C-alpha atoms as a PDB file:
ATOM      1  CA  UNK A   1     -19.909 -63.901 -82.146  1.00  0.00           C
ATOM      2  CA  UNK A   2     -16.587 -64.045 -83.942  1.00  0.00           C
ATOM      3  CA  UNK A   3     -16.272 -61.529 -87.383  1.00  0.00           C
ATOM      4  CA  UNK A   4     -16.874 -63.619 -90.345  1.00  0.00           C
ATOM      5  CA  UNK A   5     -14.716 -63.503 -93.046  1.00  0.00           C
ATOM      6  CA  UNK A   6     -15.678 -62.120 -96.243  1.00  0.00           C
ATOM      7  CA  UNK A   7     -15.355 -64.868 -98.792  1.00  0.00           C
ATOM      8  CA  UNK A   8     -17.772 -67.129-100.596  1.00  0.00           C
ATOM      9  CA  UNK A   9     -18.962 -70.170 -98.632  1.00  0.00           C
ATOM     10  CA  UNK A  10     -20.017 -73.822 -99.564  1.00  0.00           C
ATOM     11  CA  UNK A  11     -21.716 -76.061 -97.498  1.00  0.00           C
ATOM     12  CA  UNK A  12     -23.009 -79.607 -98.274  1.00  0.00           C
ATOM     13  CA  UNK A  13     -24.977 -82.259 -96.737  1.00  0.00           C
ATOM     14  CA  UNK A  14     -23.983 -85.075 -95.122  1.00  0.00           C
ATOM     15  CA  UNK A  15     -23.078 -88.364 -95.491  1.00  0.00           C
ATOM     16  CA  UNK A  16     -23.181 -87.402 -99.336  1.00  0.00           C
ATOM     17  CA  UNK A  17     -27.099 -86.558 -99.227  1.00  0.00           C
ATOM     18  CA  UNK A  18     -28.199 -85.090-102.217  1.00  0.00           C
ATOM     19  CA  UNK A  19     -31.378 -84.538-103.056  1.00  0.00           C
ATOM     20  CA  UNK A  20     -32.499 -82.276-106.053  1.00  0.00           C
ATOM     21  CA  UNK A  21     -33.581 -79.748-103.569  1.00  0.00           C
ATOM     22  CA  UNK A  22     -33.399 -79.710 -99.457  1.00  0.00           C
ATOM     23  CA  UNK A  23     -34.741 -76.574 -97.449  1.00  0.00           C
ATOM     24  CA  UNK A  24     -33.145 -76.185 -94.298  1.00  0.00           C
ATOM     25  CA  UNK A  25     -35.281 -74.843 -91.490  1.00  0.00           C
ATOM     26  CA  UNK A  26     -34.347 -71.067 -91.428  1.00  0.00           C
ATOM     27  CA  UNK A  27     -36.652 -69.973 -88.796  1.00  0.00           C
ATOM     28  CA  UNK A  28     -37.647 -70.396 -85.205  1.00  0.00           C
ATOM     29  CA  UNK A  29     -41.528 -71.627 -84.727  1.00  0.00           C
ATOM     30  CA  UNK A  30     -43.091 -73.233 -81.709  1.00  0.00           C
ATOM     31  CA  UNK A  31     -43.492 -76.529 -82.968  1.00  0.00           C
ATOM     32  CA  UNK A  32     -39.850 -76.451 -84.175  1.00  0.00           C
ATOM     33  CA  UNK A  33     -37.377 -74.574 -82.132  1.00  0.00           C
ATOM     34  CA  UNK A  34     -34.493 -73.132 -83.766  1.00  0.00           C
ATOM     35  CA  UNK A  35     -32.443 -71.578 -80.673  1.00  0.00           C
ATOM     36  CA  UNK A  36     -28.747 -70.181 -80.473  1.00  0.00           C
ATOM     37  CA  UNK A  37     -27.470 -70.134 -76.452  1.00  0.00           C
ATOM     38  CA  UNK A  38     -25.775 -66.759 -76.155  1.00  0.00           C
ATOM     39  CA  UNK A  39     -23.280 -67.063 -73.844  1.00  0.00           C
ATOM     40  CA  UNK A  40     -22.905 -63.425 -72.961  1.00  0.00           C
ATOM     41  CA  UNK A  41     -26.669 -62.881 -72.144  1.00  0.00           C
ATOM     42  CA  UNK A  42     -26.814 -66.455 -70.445  1.00  0.00           C
ATOM     43  CA  UNK A  43     -30.212 -67.496 -72.936  1.00  0.00           C
ATOM     44  CA  UNK A  44     -32.034 -69.113 -75.743  1.00  0.00           C
ATOM     45  CA  UNK A  45     -31.721 -66.943 -78.827  1.00  0.00           C
ATOM     46  CA  UNK A  46     -34.447 -67.454 -81.390  1.00  0.00           C
ATOM     47  CA  UNK A  47     -32.476 -67.407 -85.182  1.00  0.00           C
ATOM     48  CA  UNK A  48     -34.314 -66.328 -87.906  1.00  0.00           C
ATOM     49  CA  UNK A  49     -32.982 -65.771 -91.444  1.00  0.00           C
ATOM     50  CA  UNK A  50     -34.227 -62.833 -93.164  1.00  0.00           C
ATOM     51  CA  UNK A  51     -32.400 -61.218 -96.503  1.00  0.00           C
ATOM     52  CA  UNK A  52     -33.313 -57.766 -95.686  1.00  0.00           C
ATOM     53  CA  UNK A  53     -31.790 -57.658 -91.791  1.00  0.00           C
ATOM     54  CA  UNK A  54     -28.178 -57.259 -90.477  1.00  0.00           C
ATOM     55  CA  UNK A  55     -29.089 -59.645 -87.659  1.00  0.00           C
ATOM     56  CA  UNK A  56     -29.715 -63.192 -87.849  1.00  0.00           C
ATOM     57  CA  UNK A  57     -31.627 -63.105 -84.018  1.00  0.00           C
ATOM     58  CA  UNK A  58     -35.352 -62.524 -84.809  1.00  0.00           C
ATOM     59  CA  UNK A  59     -35.255 -60.184 -80.948  1.00  0.00           C
ATOM     60  CA  UNK A  60     -33.373 -57.436 -82.718  1.00  0.00           C
ATOM     61  CA  UNK A  61     -34.960 -57.589 -86.160  1.00  0.00           C
ATOM     62  CA  UNK A  62     -38.012 -55.205 -87.115  1.00  0.00           C
ATOM     63  CA  UNK A  63     -41.420 -55.630 -88.243  1.00  0.00           C
ATOM     64  CA  UNK A  64     -40.737 -55.664 -91.826  1.00  0.00           C
ATOM     65  CA  UNK A  65     -38.574 -58.830 -92.682  1.00  0.00           C
ATOM     66  CA  UNK A  66     -38.464 -60.501 -95.364  1.00  0.00           C
ATOM     67  CA  UNK A  67     -38.260 -64.359 -94.839  1.00  0.00           C
ATOM     68  CA  UNK A  68     -36.364 -66.230 -97.461  1.00  0.00           C
ATOM     69  CA  UNK A  69     -36.281 -70.066 -97.766  1.00  0.00           C
ATOM     70  CA  UNK A  70     -32.393 -71.325 -97.095  1.00  0.00           C
ATOM     71  CA  UNK A  71     -32.118 -74.323 -99.987  1.00  0.00           C
ATOM     72  CA  UNK A  72     -29.604 -76.969-100.956  1.00  0.00           C
ATOM     73  CA  UNK A  73     -29.300 -77.536-104.476  1.00  0.00           C
ATOM     74  CA  UNK A  74     -27.874 -81.172-105.362  1.00  0.00           C
ATOM     75  CA  UNK A  75     -26.729 -81.161-101.950  1.00  0.00           C
ATOM     76  CA  UNK A  76     -24.850 -78.073-101.966  1.00  0.00           C
ATOM     77  CA  UNK A  77     -25.339 -74.651-100.862  1.00  0.00           C
ATOM     78  CA  UNK A  78     -23.204 -71.605-102.054  1.00  0.00           C
ATOM     79  CA  UNK A  79     -23.488 -68.240-100.508  1.00  0.00           C
ATOM     80  CA  UNK A  80     -21.554 -65.221-101.833  1.00  0.00           C
ATOM     81  CA  UNK A  81     -19.678 -62.974 -99.621  1.00  0.00           C
ATOM     82  CA  UNK A  82     -21.949 -60.506-100.213  1.00  0.00           C
ATOM     83  CA  UNK A  83     -24.850 -62.416 -98.230  1.00  0.00           C
ATOM     84  CA  UNK A  84     -23.381 -62.064 -94.801  1.00  0.00           C
ATOM     85  CA  UNK A  85     -26.057 -62.590 -93.141  1.00  0.00           C
ATOM     86  CA  UNK A  86     -26.893 -66.272 -94.216  1.00  0.00           C
ATOM     87  CA  UNK A  87     -22.825 -66.665 -93.511  1.00  0.00           C
ATOM     88  CA  UNK A  88     -23.707 -65.893 -90.037  1.00  0.00           C
ATOM     89  CA  UNK A  89     -26.662 -67.555 -90.264  1.00  0.00           C
ATOM     90  CA  UNK A  90     -24.772 -71.131 -90.833  1.00  0.00           C
ATOM     91  CA  UNK A  91     -22.152 -70.662 -88.689  1.00  0.00           C
ATOM     92  CA  UNK A  92     -24.195 -71.089 -85.683  1.00  0.00           C
ATOM     93  CA  UNK A  93     -27.202 -73.250 -86.997  1.00  0.00           C
ATOM     94  CA  UNK A  94     -27.648 -76.226 -84.776  1.00  0.00           C
ATOM     95  CA  UNK A  95     -27.586 -78.452 -88.397  1.00  0.00           C
ATOM     96  CA  UNK A  96     -23.921 -77.556 -88.974  1.00  0.00           C
ATOM     97  CA  UNK A  97     -21.902 -80.802 -88.633  1.00  0.00           C
ATOM     98  CA  UNK A  98     -25.432 -82.488 -88.260  1.00  0.00           C
ATOM     99  CA  UNK A  99     -26.861 -82.012 -91.139  1.00  0.00           C
ATOM    100  CA  UNK A 100     -24.857 -80.050 -93.375  1.00  0.00           C
ATOM    101  CA  UNK A 101     -20.589 -79.295 -92.703  1.00  0.00           C
ATOM    102  CA  UNK A 102     -18.566 -76.440 -94.672  1.00  0.00           C
ATOM    103  CA  UNK A 103     -16.832 -77.669 -97.304  1.00  0.00           C
ATOM    104  CA  UNK A 104     -13.347 -76.134 -96.687  1.00  0.00           C
ATOM    105  CA  UNK A 105     -10.623 -76.946 -99.289  1.00  0.00           C
ATOM    106  CA  UNK A 106      -8.236 -75.052 -97.663  1.00  0.00           C
ATOM    107  CA  UNK A 107      -8.685 -77.037 -94.374  1.00  0.00           C
ATOM    108  CA  UNK A 108      -8.716 -80.525 -95.708  1.00  0.00           C
ATOM    109  CA  UNK A 109      -5.346 -79.923 -97.521  1.00  0.00           C
ATOM    110  CA  UNK A 110      -4.009 -79.038 -94.364  1.00  0.00           C
ATOM    111  CA  UNK A 111      -5.007 -81.648 -92.470  1.00  0.00           C
ATOM    112  CA  UNK A 112      -4.062 -83.772 -95.174  1.00  0.00           C
ATOM    113  CA  UNK A 113      -0.781 -82.497 -95.279  1.00  0.00           C
ATOM    114  CA  UNK A 114      -0.286 -83.220 -91.522  1.00  0.00           C
ATOM    115  CA  UNK A 115      -1.612 -86.908 -92.168  1.00  0.00           C
ATOM    116  CA  UNK A 116       0.731 -87.102 -94.732  1.00  0.00           C
ATOM    117  CA  UNK A 117       4.006 -85.626 -92.379  1.00  0.00           C
ATOM    118  CA  UNK A 118       2.771 -87.979 -89.385  1.00  0.00           C
ATOM    119  CA  UNK A 119       3.466 -91.067 -91.982  1.00  0.00           C
ATOM    120  CA  UNK A 120       6.395 -89.676 -93.740  1.00  0.00           C
ATOM    121  CA  UNK A 121       8.174 -89.402 -90.236  1.00  0.00           C
ATOM    122  CA  UNK A 122       6.631 -93.191 -88.983  1.00  0.00           C
ATOM    123  CA  UNK A 123       7.946 -94.569 -91.887  1.00  0.00           C
ATOM    124  CA  UNK A 124      11.035 -93.444 -91.750  1.00  0.00           C
ATOM    125  CA  UNK A 125      11.518 -94.304 -88.218  1.00  0.00           C
ATOM    126  CA  UNK A 126      10.711 -98.234 -89.200  1.00  0.00           C
ATOM    127  CA  UNK A 127      12.919 -98.096 -91.742  1.00  0.00           C
ATOM    128  CA  UNK A 128      16.210 -96.846 -90.174  1.00  0.00           C
ATOM    129  CA  UNK A 129      15.368 -98.784 -86.904  1.00  0.00           C
ATOM    130  CA  UNK A 130      17.422-102.335 -86.536  1.00  0.00           C
ATOM    131  CA  UNK A 131      16.402-105.874 -86.250  1.00  0.00           C
ATOM    132  CA  UNK A 132      15.880-105.633 -82.466  1.00  0.00           C
ATOM    133  CA  UNK A 133      14.305-102.732 -82.171  1.00  0.00           C
ATOM    134  CA  UNK A 134      12.151-103.856 -85.390  1.00  0.00           C
ATOM    135  CA  UNK A 135      10.894-106.580 -82.695  1.00  0.00           C
ATOM    136  CA  UNK A 136      10.628-104.721 -79.753  1.00  0.00           C
ATOM    137  CA  UNK A 137       8.227-102.513 -81.519  1.00  0.00           C
ATOM    138  CA  UNK A 138       6.195-105.530 -82.680  1.00  0.00           C
ATOM    139  CA  UNK A 139       5.695-106.932 -79.706  1.00  0.00           C
ATOM    140  CA  UNK A 140       3.728-103.445 -78.898  1.00  0.00           C
ATOM    141  CA  UNK A 141       2.058-103.245 -81.803  1.00  0.00           C
ATOM    142  CA  UNK A 142       1.524-106.966 -83.314  1.00  0.00           C
ATOM    143  CA  UNK A 143       1.941-108.951 -80.832  1.00  0.00           C
ATOM    144  CA  UNK A 144       4.482-111.740 -79.192  1.00  0.00           C
ATOM    145  CA  UNK A 145       4.562-114.069 -82.514  1.00  0.00           C
ATOM    146  CA  UNK A 146       7.023-111.594 -83.943  1.00  0.00           C
ATOM    147  CA  UNK A 147       9.786-113.615 -82.759  1.00  0.00           C
ATOM    148  CA  UNK A 148       9.268-115.977 -85.296  1.00  0.00           C
ATOM    149  CA  UNK A 149       9.123-113.805 -87.825  1.00  0.00           C
ATOM    150  CA  UNK A 150      11.758-113.309 -90.898  1.00  0.00           C
ATOM    151  CA  UNK A 151      12.884-109.577 -90.390  1.00  0.00           C
ATOM    152  CA  UNK A 152      11.989-108.797 -93.943  1.00  0.00           C
ATOM    153  CA  UNK A 153       8.534-110.136 -92.905  1.00  0.00           C
ATOM    154  CA  UNK A 154       8.251-108.229 -89.681  1.00  0.00           C
ATOM    155  CA  UNK A 155       9.538-104.881 -91.559  1.00  0.00           C
ATOM    156  CA  UNK A 156       7.700-104.988 -93.695  1.00  0.00           C
ATOM    157  CA  UNK A 157       4.496-105.026 -91.611  1.00  0.00           C
ATOM    158  CA  UNK A 158       5.677-102.308 -89.181  1.00  0.00           C
ATOM    159  CA  UNK A 159       6.000-100.431 -92.564  1.00  0.00           C
ATOM    160  CA  UNK A 160       2.524-101.141 -93.393  1.00  0.00           C
ATOM    161  CA  UNK A 161       1.517-100.507 -89.268  1.00  0.00           C
ATOM    162  CA  UNK A 162       2.814 -97.211 -89.678  1.00  0.00           C
ATOM    163  CA  UNK A 163       1.475 -96.386 -92.776  1.00  0.00           C
ATOM    164  CA  UNK A 164      -2.040 -97.029 -91.347  1.00  0.00           C
ATOM    165  CA  UNK A 165      -1.888 -95.419 -88.250  1.00  0.00           C
ATOM    166  CA  UNK A 166       1.495 -93.571 -87.844  1.00  0.00           C
ATOM    167  CA  UNK A 167       0.146 -91.694 -84.346  1.00  0.00           C
ATOM    168  CA  UNK A 168       0.089 -94.670 -82.717  1.00  0.00           C
ATOM    169  CA  UNK A 169       3.403 -95.680 -83.938  1.00  0.00           C
ATOM    170  CA  UNK A 170       5.154 -92.972 -82.699  1.00  0.00           C
ATOM    171  CA  UNK A 171       3.093 -92.887 -79.716  1.00  0.00           C
ATOM    172  CA  UNK A 172       4.669 -96.674 -78.746  1.00  0.00           C
ATOM    173  CA  UNK A 173       8.314 -95.699 -80.253  1.00  0.00           C
ATOM    174  CA  UNK A 174       8.738 -93.069 -77.818  1.00  0.00           C
ATOM    175  CA  UNK A 175       7.165 -94.141 -74.812  1.00  0.00           C
ATOM    176  CA  UNK A 176       9.569 -93.544 -72.198  1.00  0.00           C
ATOM    177  CA  UNK A 177       8.814 -96.706 -70.230  1.00  0.00           C
ATOM    178  CA  UNK A 178       8.692 -98.946 -73.849  1.00  0.00           C
ATOM    179  CA  UNK A 179      11.684-100.960 -72.560  1.00  0.00           C
ATOM    180  CA  UNK A 180       9.956-102.236 -69.515  1.00  0.00           C
ATOM    181  CA  UNK A 181       7.109-103.370 -71.114  1.00  0.00           C
ATOM    182  CA  UNK A 182       9.335-104.911 -73.438  1.00  0.00           C
ATOM    183  CA  UNK A 183      10.950-106.660 -70.554  1.00  0.00           C
ATOM    184  CA  UNK A 184       7.801-108.018 -69.387  1.00  0.00           C
ATOM    185  CA  UNK A 185       6.537-109.132 -72.768  1.00  0.00           C
ATOM    186  CA  UNK A 186       9.979-110.963 -73.044  1.00  0.00           C
ATOM    187  CA  UNK A 187       9.904-112.460 -69.357  1.00  0.00           C
ATOM    188  CA  UNK A 188       5.970-114.081 -70.964  1.00  0.00           C
ATOM    189  CA  UNK A 189       8.092-114.959 -74.438  1.00  0.00           C
ATOM    190  CA  UNK A 190      10.685-117.564 -72.355  1.00  0.00           C
ATOM    191  CA  UNK A 191       8.138-118.871 -70.081  1.00  0.00           C
ATOM    192  CA  UNK A 192       9.481-117.853 -67.116  1.00  0.00           C
ATOM    193  CA  UNK A 193       6.686-117.393 -66.127  1.00  0.00           C
ATOM    194  CA  UNK A 194       2.960-119.243 -66.756  1.00  0.00           C
ATOM    195  CA  UNK A 195      -0.452-118.441 -65.839  1.00  0.00           C
ATOM    196  CA  UNK A 196      -2.648-120.779 -63.100  1.00  0.00           C
ATOM    197  CA  UNK A 197      -6.122-120.770 -61.997  1.00  0.00           C
ATOM    198  CA  UNK A 198      -8.322-119.435 -65.088  1.00  0.00           C
ATOM    199  CA  UNK A 199      -5.305-116.961 -65.677  1.00  0.00           C
ATOM    200  CA  UNK A 200      -5.825-115.118 -62.316  1.00  0.00           C
ATOM    201  CA  UNK A 201      -2.547-116.024 -60.964  1.00  0.00           C
ATOM    202  CA  UNK A 202       1.252-115.678 -62.165  1.00  0.00           C
ATOM    203  CA  UNK A 203       3.853-118.620 -60.903  1.00  0.00           C
ATOM    204  CA  UNK A 204       6.827-119.305 -61.455  1.00  0.00           C
ATOM    205  CA  UNK A 205       8.070-121.667 -64.440  1.00  0.00           C
ATOM    206  CA  UNK A 206      11.536-122.099 -63.280  1.00  0.00           C
ATOM    207  CA  UNK A 207      13.512-126.015 -62.459  1.00  0.00           C
ATOM    208  CA  UNK A 208      13.275-124.989 -59.171  1.00  0.00           C
ATOM    209  CA  UNK A 209      10.869-122.890 -58.612  1.00  0.00           C
ATOM    210  CA  UNK A 210       7.287-122.996 -59.306  1.00  0.00           C
ATOM    211  CA  UNK A 211       5.628-120.985 -56.644  1.00  0.00           C
ATOM    212  CA  UNK A 212       2.643-118.201 -57.168  1.00  0.00           C
ATOM    213  CA  UNK A 213       4.541-114.927 -57.646  1.00  0.00           C
ATOM    214  CA  UNK A 214       1.033-112.310 -57.491  1.00  0.00           C
ATOM    215  CA  UNK A 215      -2.732-112.206 -57.928  1.00  0.00           C
ATOM    216  CA  UNK A 216      -3.772-110.471 -61.672  1.00  0.00           C
ATOM    217  CA  UNK A 217      -6.263-107.889 -60.353  1.00  0.00           C
ATOM    218  CA  UNK A 218      -9.674-107.842 -62.019  1.00  0.00           C
ATOM    219  CA  UNK A 219      -9.639-105.859 -65.314  1.00  0.00           C
ATOM    220  CA  UNK A 220      -6.236-106.395 -65.833  1.00  0.00           C
ATOM    221  CA  UNK A 221      -3.295-108.226 -68.495  1.00  0.00           C
ATOM    222  CA  UNK A 222      -0.827-110.310 -67.167  1.00  0.00           C
ATOM    223  CA  UNK A 223       1.345-107.763 -68.664  1.00  0.00           C
ATOM    224  CA  UNK A 224      -0.173-104.820 -66.523  1.00  0.00           C
ATOM    225  CA  UNK A 225      -0.090-106.814 -63.539  1.00  0.00           C
ATOM    226  CA  UNK A 226       3.393-107.955 -64.147  1.00  0.00           C
ATOM    227  CA  UNK A 227       4.443-104.348 -65.042  1.00  0.00           C
ATOM    228  CA  UNK A 228       2.883-102.702 -62.445  1.00  0.00           C
ATOM    229  CA  UNK A 229       4.850-105.341 -59.655  1.00  0.00           C
ATOM    230  CA  UNK A 230       7.846-104.470 -60.723  1.00  0.00           C
ATOM    231  CA  UNK A 231       7.231-100.964 -59.656  1.00  0.00           C
ATOM    232  CA  UNK A 232       7.171-102.082 -56.409  1.00  0.00           C
ATOM    233  CA  UNK A 233       9.594-102.665 -53.712  1.00  0.00           C
ATOM    234  CA  UNK A 234       9.164-106.127 -53.921  1.00  0.00           C
ATOM    235  CA  UNK A 235       9.127-106.237 -57.209  1.00  0.00           C
ATOM    236  CA  UNK A 236      12.329-105.074 -57.818  1.00  0.00           C
ATOM    237  CA  UNK A 237      15.123-107.399 -56.986  1.00  0.00           C
ATOM    238  CA  UNK A 238      12.329-109.858 -59.171  1.00  0.00           C
ATOM    239  CA  UNK A 239      12.620-108.026 -61.863  1.00  0.00           C
ATOM    240  CA  UNK A 240      16.194-107.895 -62.163  1.00  0.00           C
ATOM    241  CA  UNK A 241      16.692-111.578 -61.315  1.00  0.00           C
ATOM    242  CA  UNK A 242      14.208-112.443 -64.047  1.00  0.00           C
ATOM    243  CA  UNK A 243      15.481-110.296 -66.751  1.00  0.00           C
ATOM    244  CA  UNK A 244      19.387-112.439 -66.236  1.00  0.00           C
ATOM    245  CA  UNK A 245      17.410-115.358 -67.118  1.00  0.00           C
ATOM    246  CA  UNK A 246      16.314-113.981 -70.666  1.00  0.00           C
ATOM    247  CA  UNK A 247      17.618-115.935 -73.491  1.00  0.00           C
END
């Protein structure tokens, strides 16, 4: 076990559960095991909280253990830095993150800072994009209908998306194959290709060519199928020709 930092620890019952009192199981019983798997020893060890013992493991305690209850009052349990034994128990108790969780304001603040910084980066990226770039990103995160959206509406919607899903937005914006995926979307937008046979096959939709291009593999979208085809030897020249026809 890692050495516990000597500071006050606060634990709260999960999901806002806050009864007047709640007693947490603090000793191993035959009918209700309380065990911790010791990876160094390779087996489960019985846990037992005894206020007059230095260890939380029953096999390391003497025969004069004083067993005290572990009680949450109004859904919270405050453990002073002097009660190292109880802090050790709470750190490895099976109920951690299941029945209760540690209240750590510093950790929570750090996570909130990361979220805010991610949001600011995503919003700044969208705010600085040209209309053409916004349309490309919009195709990926909003859908094909972005081509009919006024530029101000599109920018607003993408700013809202950036605030809600900053990590997803940044992943799309930094995708090294974004241009290729946008190309596939534009080809379908311009109706250079269309689907037949219940959406299982892609056909040309050109004035002089209505033949079948490829079949769509089961479980694959039309965009994914065309994107994969364009990477093949047969697909490379077809990609180039279709790209020339985009409005």
